[in-house]
C-alpha atoms as a PDB file:
ATOM      1  CA  MET A   1      -0.033  -0.035  -0.068  1.00  0.00           C
ATOM      2  CA  ALA A   2       1.272   3.559  -0.649  1.00  0.00           C
ATOM      3  CA  VAL A   3       0.100   6.287   1.284  1.00  0.00           C
ATOM      4  CA  SER A   4       0.031  10.429   0.367  1.00  0.00           C
ATOM      5  CA  ASN A   5      -0.404  12.744   3.303  1.00  0.00           C
ATOM      6  CA  LEU A   6      -1.242  16.747   2.161  1.00  0.00           C
ATOM      7  CA  ARG A   7      -2.000  19.663   4.622  1.00  0.00           C
ATOM      8  CA  VAL A   8      -2.905  22.967   3.053  1.00  0.00           C
ATOM      9  CA  MET A   9      -4.421  26.208   4.408  1.00  0.00           C
ATOM     10  CA  PHE A  10      -6.887  28.003   2.494  1.00  0.00           C
ATOM     11  CA  PRO A  11      -8.104  31.496   2.821  1.00  0.00           C
ATOM     12  CA  PHE A  12     -11.742  30.464   2.680  1.00  0.00           C
ATOM     13  CA  PRO A  13     -14.330  29.478   4.930  1.00  0.00           C
ATOM     14  CA  VAL A  14     -14.781  25.907   5.812  1.00  0.00           C
ATOM     15  CA  GLU A  15     -18.569  25.885   4.529  1.00  0.00           C
ATOM     16  CA  THR A  16     -17.143  27.320   1.270  1.00  0.00           C
ATOM     17  CA  MET A  17     -13.786  24.367   0.841  1.00  0.00           C
ATOM     18  CA  TRP A  18     -16.601  21.617   1.864  1.00  0.00           C
ATOM     19  CA  ASP A  19     -19.492  22.427  -0.543  1.00  0.00           C
ATOM     20  CA  LEU A  20     -16.738  22.642  -3.250  1.00  0.00           C
ATOM     21  CA  ILE A  21     -14.853  19.277  -2.272  1.00  0.00           C
ATOM     22  CA  THR A  22     -18.234  17.124  -1.795  1.00  0.00           C
ATOM     23  CA  SER A  23     -19.947  18.465  -4.639  1.00  0.00           C
ATOM     24  CA  ARG A  24     -20.636  15.584  -7.064  1.00  0.00           C
ATOM     25  CA  GLU A  25     -22.589  17.897  -9.531  1.00  0.00           C
ATOM     26  CA  ASP A  26     -19.980  20.683  -9.672  1.00  0.00           C
ATOM     27  CA  TYR A  27     -16.730  19.113 -10.997  1.00  0.00           C
ATOM     28  CA  SER A  28     -15.941  21.261 -13.575  1.00  0.00           C
ATOM     29  CA  TRP A  29     -13.060  22.780 -12.062  1.00  0.00           C
ATOM     30  CA  ARG A  30     -11.519  19.251 -11.888  1.00  0.00           C
ATOM     31  CA  SER A  31      -9.072  19.327 -14.991  1.00  0.00           C
ATOM     32  CA  ASN A  32      -8.703  15.821 -15.311  1.00  0.00           C
ATOM     33  CA  LEU A  33     -12.581  14.628 -14.921  1.00  0.00           C
ATOM     34  CA  ASN A  34     -14.918  14.216 -18.310  1.00  0.00           C
ATOM     35  CA  ARG A  35     -17.827  13.378 -16.382  1.00  0.00           C
ATOM     36  CA  ILE A  36     -19.699  11.994 -13.037  1.00  0.00           C
ATOM     37  CA  GLU A  37     -22.384   9.247 -12.745  1.00  0.00           C
ATOM     38  CA  ILE A  38     -24.408   9.389  -9.723  1.00  0.00           C
ATOM     39  CA  LEU A  39     -25.399   6.087  -8.811  1.00  0.00           C
ATOM     40  CA  ASN A  40     -27.101   7.001  -5.338  1.00  0.00           C
ATOM     41  CA  GLU A  41     -26.660   9.058  -2.388  1.00  0.00           C
ATOM     42  CA  ASN A  42     -23.871   7.044  -1.366  1.00  0.00           C
ATOM     43  CA  GLN A  43     -22.089   5.954  -4.683  1.00  0.00           C
ATOM     44  CA  PHE A  44     -20.970   7.511  -7.768  1.00  0.00           C
ATOM     45  CA  VAL A  45     -18.792   7.369 -10.890  1.00  0.00           C
ATOM     46  CA  GLU A  46     -15.756   9.254 -12.057  1.00  0.00           C
ATOM     47  CA  TYR A  47     -14.657   9.503 -15.785  1.00  0.00           C
ATOM     48  CA  THR A  48     -11.601  10.848 -16.225  1.00  0.00           C
ATOM     49  CA  LYS A  49     -10.252  12.546 -19.584  1.00  0.00           C
ATOM     50  CA  GLU A  50      -7.798   9.675 -20.111  1.00  0.00           C
ATOM     51  CA  GLY A  51     -10.534   7.308 -19.975  1.00  0.00           C
ATOM     52  CA  ASP A  52     -10.549   5.640 -16.617  1.00  0.00           C
ATOM     53  CA  VAL A  53     -13.309   5.139 -14.278  1.00  0.00           C
ATOM     54  CA  THR A  54     -13.411   4.950 -10.866  1.00  0.00           C
ATOM     55  CA  THR A  55     -16.710   3.896  -8.637  1.00  0.00           C
ATOM     56  CA  VAL A  56     -16.273   5.642  -5.424  1.00  0.00           C
ATOM     57  CA  THR A  57     -18.386   5.179  -2.303  1.00  0.00           C
ATOM     58  CA  VAL A  58     -18.836   7.464   0.361  1.00  0.00           C
ATOM     59  CA  ARG A  59     -17.555   5.615   3.966  1.00  0.00           C
ATOM     60  CA  GLU A  60     -18.012   8.391   6.207  1.00  0.00           C
ATOM     61  CA  GLU A  61     -19.524  12.282   5.953  1.00  0.00           C
ATOM     62  CA  MET A  62     -19.032  14.619   8.989  1.00  0.00           C
ATOM     63  CA  LYS A  63     -20.486  18.096   7.367  1.00  0.00           C
ATOM     64  CA  TYR A  64     -17.616  20.221   7.626  1.00  0.00           C
ATOM     65  CA  ARG A  65     -15.477  17.847   9.074  1.00  0.00           C
ATOM     66  CA  LYS A  66     -14.556  14.424   7.148  1.00  0.00           C
ATOM     67  CA  TRP A  67     -15.305  13.094   4.001  1.00  0.00           C
ATOM     68  CA  GLU A  68     -14.050   9.627   3.395  1.00  0.00           C
ATOM     69  CA  LEU A  69     -14.263   7.646   0.256  1.00  0.00           C
ATOM     70  CA  ASP A  70     -13.320   4.388  -0.780  1.00  0.00           C
ATOM     71  CA  MET A  71     -12.604   3.870  -4.709  1.00  0.00           C
ATOM     72  CA  GLU A  72     -11.828   0.993  -6.762  1.00  0.00           C
ATOM     73  CA  ASN A  73     -10.903   0.808 -10.567  1.00  0.00           C
ATOM     74  CA  LYS A  74      -9.128  -1.637 -12.888  1.00  0.00           C
ATOM     75  CA  ASP A  75      -5.659  -0.976 -11.454  1.00  0.00           C
ATOM     76  CA  ILE A  76      -6.040  -0.063  -7.887  1.00  0.00           C
ATOM     77  CA  ASN A  77      -8.494   0.491  -4.503  1.00  0.00           C
ATOM     78  CA  GLY A  78      -8.384   2.337  -1.832  1.00  0.00           C
ATOM     79  CA  ARG A  79      -9.314   5.157   0.275  1.00  0.00           C
ATOM     80  CA  TRP A  80      -9.559   9.284   0.443  1.00  0.00           C
ATOM     81  CA  THR A  81      -9.947  10.794   3.209  1.00  0.00           C
ATOM     82  CA  CYS A  82     -10.220  14.620   3.716  1.00  0.00           C
ATOM     83  CA  MET A  83     -10.493  16.420   6.837  1.00  0.00           C
ATOM     84  CA  LEU A  84     -11.375  20.083   7.400  1.00  0.00           C
ATOM     85  CA  TYR A  85     -10.379  22.193  10.064  1.00  0.00           C
ATOM     86  CA  SER A  86     -11.967  25.746  10.468  1.00  0.00           C
ATOM     87  CA  TRP A  87      -9.789  28.562  11.680  1.00  0.00           C
ATOM     88  CA  GLY A  88     -12.040  31.661  11.290  1.00  0.00           C
ATOM     89  CA  ASP A  89     -12.249  32.826   7.774  1.00  0.00           C
ATOM     90  CA  SER A  90      -9.196  30.277   6.515  1.00  0.00           C
ATOM     91  CA  THR A  91      -9.674  26.320   6.485  1.00  0.00           C
ATOM     92  CA  GLU A  92      -6.941  23.530   6.818  1.00  0.00           C
ATOM     93  CA  ILE A  93      -7.242  20.578   4.729  1.00  0.00           C
ATOM     94  CA  CYS A  94      -5.673  17.271   5.362  1.00  0.00           C
ATOM     95  CA  ILE A  95      -5.660  14.814   2.600  1.00  0.00           C
ATOM     96  CA  THR A  96      -5.021  11.484   2.594  1.00  0.00           C
ATOM     97  CA  GLU A  97      -4.863   8.996   0.250  1.00  0.00           C
ATOM     98  CA  GLU A  98      -3.902   5.328   0.428  1.00  0.00           C
ATOM     99  CA  ILE A  99      -3.759   3.101  -2.526  1.00  0.00           C
ATOM    100  CA  ASN A 100      -3.482  -0.422  -3.108  1.00  0.00           C
ATOM    101  CA  PRO A 101      -2.300  -1.653  -6.771  1.00  0.00           C
ATOM    102  CA  LYS A 102      -4.345  -4.645  -7.877  1.00  0.00           C
ATOM    103  CA  LYS A 103      -1.388  -5.645  -9.825  1.00  0.00           C
ATOM    104  CA  LEU A 104       1.990  -6.337  -8.440  1.00  0.00           C
ATOM    105  CA  TYR A 105       4.268  -4.621 -11.301  1.00  0.00           C
ATOM    106  CA  LEU A 106       2.038  -1.552 -10.760  1.00  0.00           C
ATOM    107  CA  MET A 107       3.600  -1.011  -7.374  1.00  0.00           C
ATOM    108  CA  PRO A 108       6.545   1.159  -8.272  1.00  0.00           C
ATOM    109  CA  PHE A 109       4.304   3.395 -10.001  1.00  0.00           C
ATOM    110  CA  VAL A 110       1.909   4.147  -7.318  1.00  0.00           C
ATOM    111  CA  PRO A 111       4.072   6.930  -5.932  1.00  0.00           C
ATOM    112  CA  ALA A 112       4.143   8.804  -8.760  1.00  0.00           C
ATOM    113  CA  TYR A 113       0.309   8.268  -9.576  1.00  0.00           C
ATOM    114  CA  LEU A 114      -0.750   9.798  -6.409  1.00  0.00           C
ATOM    115  CA  GLU A 115       1.714  12.464  -6.351  1.00  0.00           C
ATOM    116  CA  GLU A 116       0.246  13.662  -9.761  1.00  0.00           C
ATOM    117  CA  ARG A 117      -3.089  13.285  -8.532  1.00  0.00           C
ATOM    118  CA  ARG A 118      -2.102  15.436  -5.226  1.00  0.00           C
ATOM    119  CA  VAL A 119      -0.652  17.988  -7.445  1.00  0.00           C
ATOM    120  CA  THR A 120      -3.665  18.090 -10.043  1.00  0.00           C
ATOM    121  CA  TYR A 121      -6.023  18.500  -7.184  1.00  0.00           C
ATOM    122  CA  MET A 122      -4.213  20.675  -5.738  1.00  0.00           C
ATOM    123  CA  LYS A 123      -3.821  22.988  -8.377  1.00  0.00           C
ATOM    124  CA  ASP A 124      -7.287  22.973  -9.756  1.00  0.00           C
ATOM    125  CA  LEU A 125      -8.879  23.590  -6.570  1.00  0.00           C
ATOM    126  CA  THR A 126      -6.548  26.726  -6.044  1.00  0.00           C
ATOM    127  CA  ARG A 127      -7.846  27.641  -9.339  1.00  0.00           C
ATOM    128  CA  VAL A 128     -11.134  27.796  -9.058  1.00  0.00           C
ATOM    129  CA  LEU A 129     -11.302  29.560  -5.483  1.00  0.00           C
ATOM    130  CA  VAL A 130      -9.164  32.406  -6.704  1.00  0.00           C
ATOM    131  CA  TYR A 131     -11.332  32.448  -9.806  1.00  0.00           C
ATOM    132  CA  ARG A 132     -14.665  32.749  -7.455  1.00  0.00           C
ATOM    133  CA  ARG A 133     -13.221  34.969  -5.246  1.00  0.00           C
ATOM    134  CA  ASN A 134     -12.144  37.776  -7.927  1.00  0.00           C
ATOM    135  CA  ILE A 135     -15.678  37.029  -9.788  1.00  0.00           C
ATOM    136  CA  LYS A 136     -17.276  37.623  -6.319  1.00  0.00           C
ATOM    137  CA  ASN A 137     -14.831  41.062  -5.928  1.00  0.00           C
ATOM    138  CA  GLY A 138     -16.066  42.083  -9.325  1.00  0.00           C
ATOM    139  CA  LEU A 139     -12.429  41.475 -10.565  1.00  0.00           C
ATOM    140  CA  THR A 140     -12.081  39.781 -14.297  1.00  0.00           C
ATOM    141  CA  MET A 141      -9.322  38.120 -15.563  1.00  0.00           C
ATOM    142  CA  ARG A 142      -8.007  37.932 -19.373  1.00  0.00           C
ATOM    143  CA  THR A 143      -5.084  36.858 -21.213  1.00  0.00           C
ATOM    144  CA  THR A 144      -3.517  38.697 -23.983  1.00  0.00           C
ATOM    145  CA  LYS A 145      -2.710  36.084 -27.026  1.00  0.00           C
ATOM    146  CA  GLY A 146       0.820  34.872 -26.555  1.00  0.00           C
ATOM    147  CA  LYS A 147       1.509  37.344 -23.380  1.00  0.00           C
ATOM    148  CA  GLY A 148       0.819  34.851 -20.471  1.00  0.00           C
ATOM    149  CA  ARG A 149      -1.706  32.422 -18.959  1.00  0.00           C
ATOM    150  CA  ILE A 150      -3.764  32.211 -16.441  1.00  0.00           C
END
């Protein structure tokens, strides 16, 4: 089993973080997902843009505090746990991801797989939070062709 741990503080209230992280309907901010199919209240399927299909089951949900998921696809099974800690208008999130490869030959690749998932998730989460704060504050972002990117 491979384990990844991450702690990040965001300058957003816990309600904002919870609503974004736990939404099964608003996944547009996640750059690696093509779609989510909701099976029932506690189970959904994530379809990545690369064609991977992962079934996700909500194991435990404590509003504004903990969201724990079991996940399984053809190559791995594991658990994703997100703990949220409110510090006034800021929120600390602690994410632990445990992955078990189903095929022994995949084990050497699991740490890199976890790192890629973690980096992508944090970039996407940060990007959407900044974008939404800018919209809320009446700011717009634009780029000039060839002179930078967001």
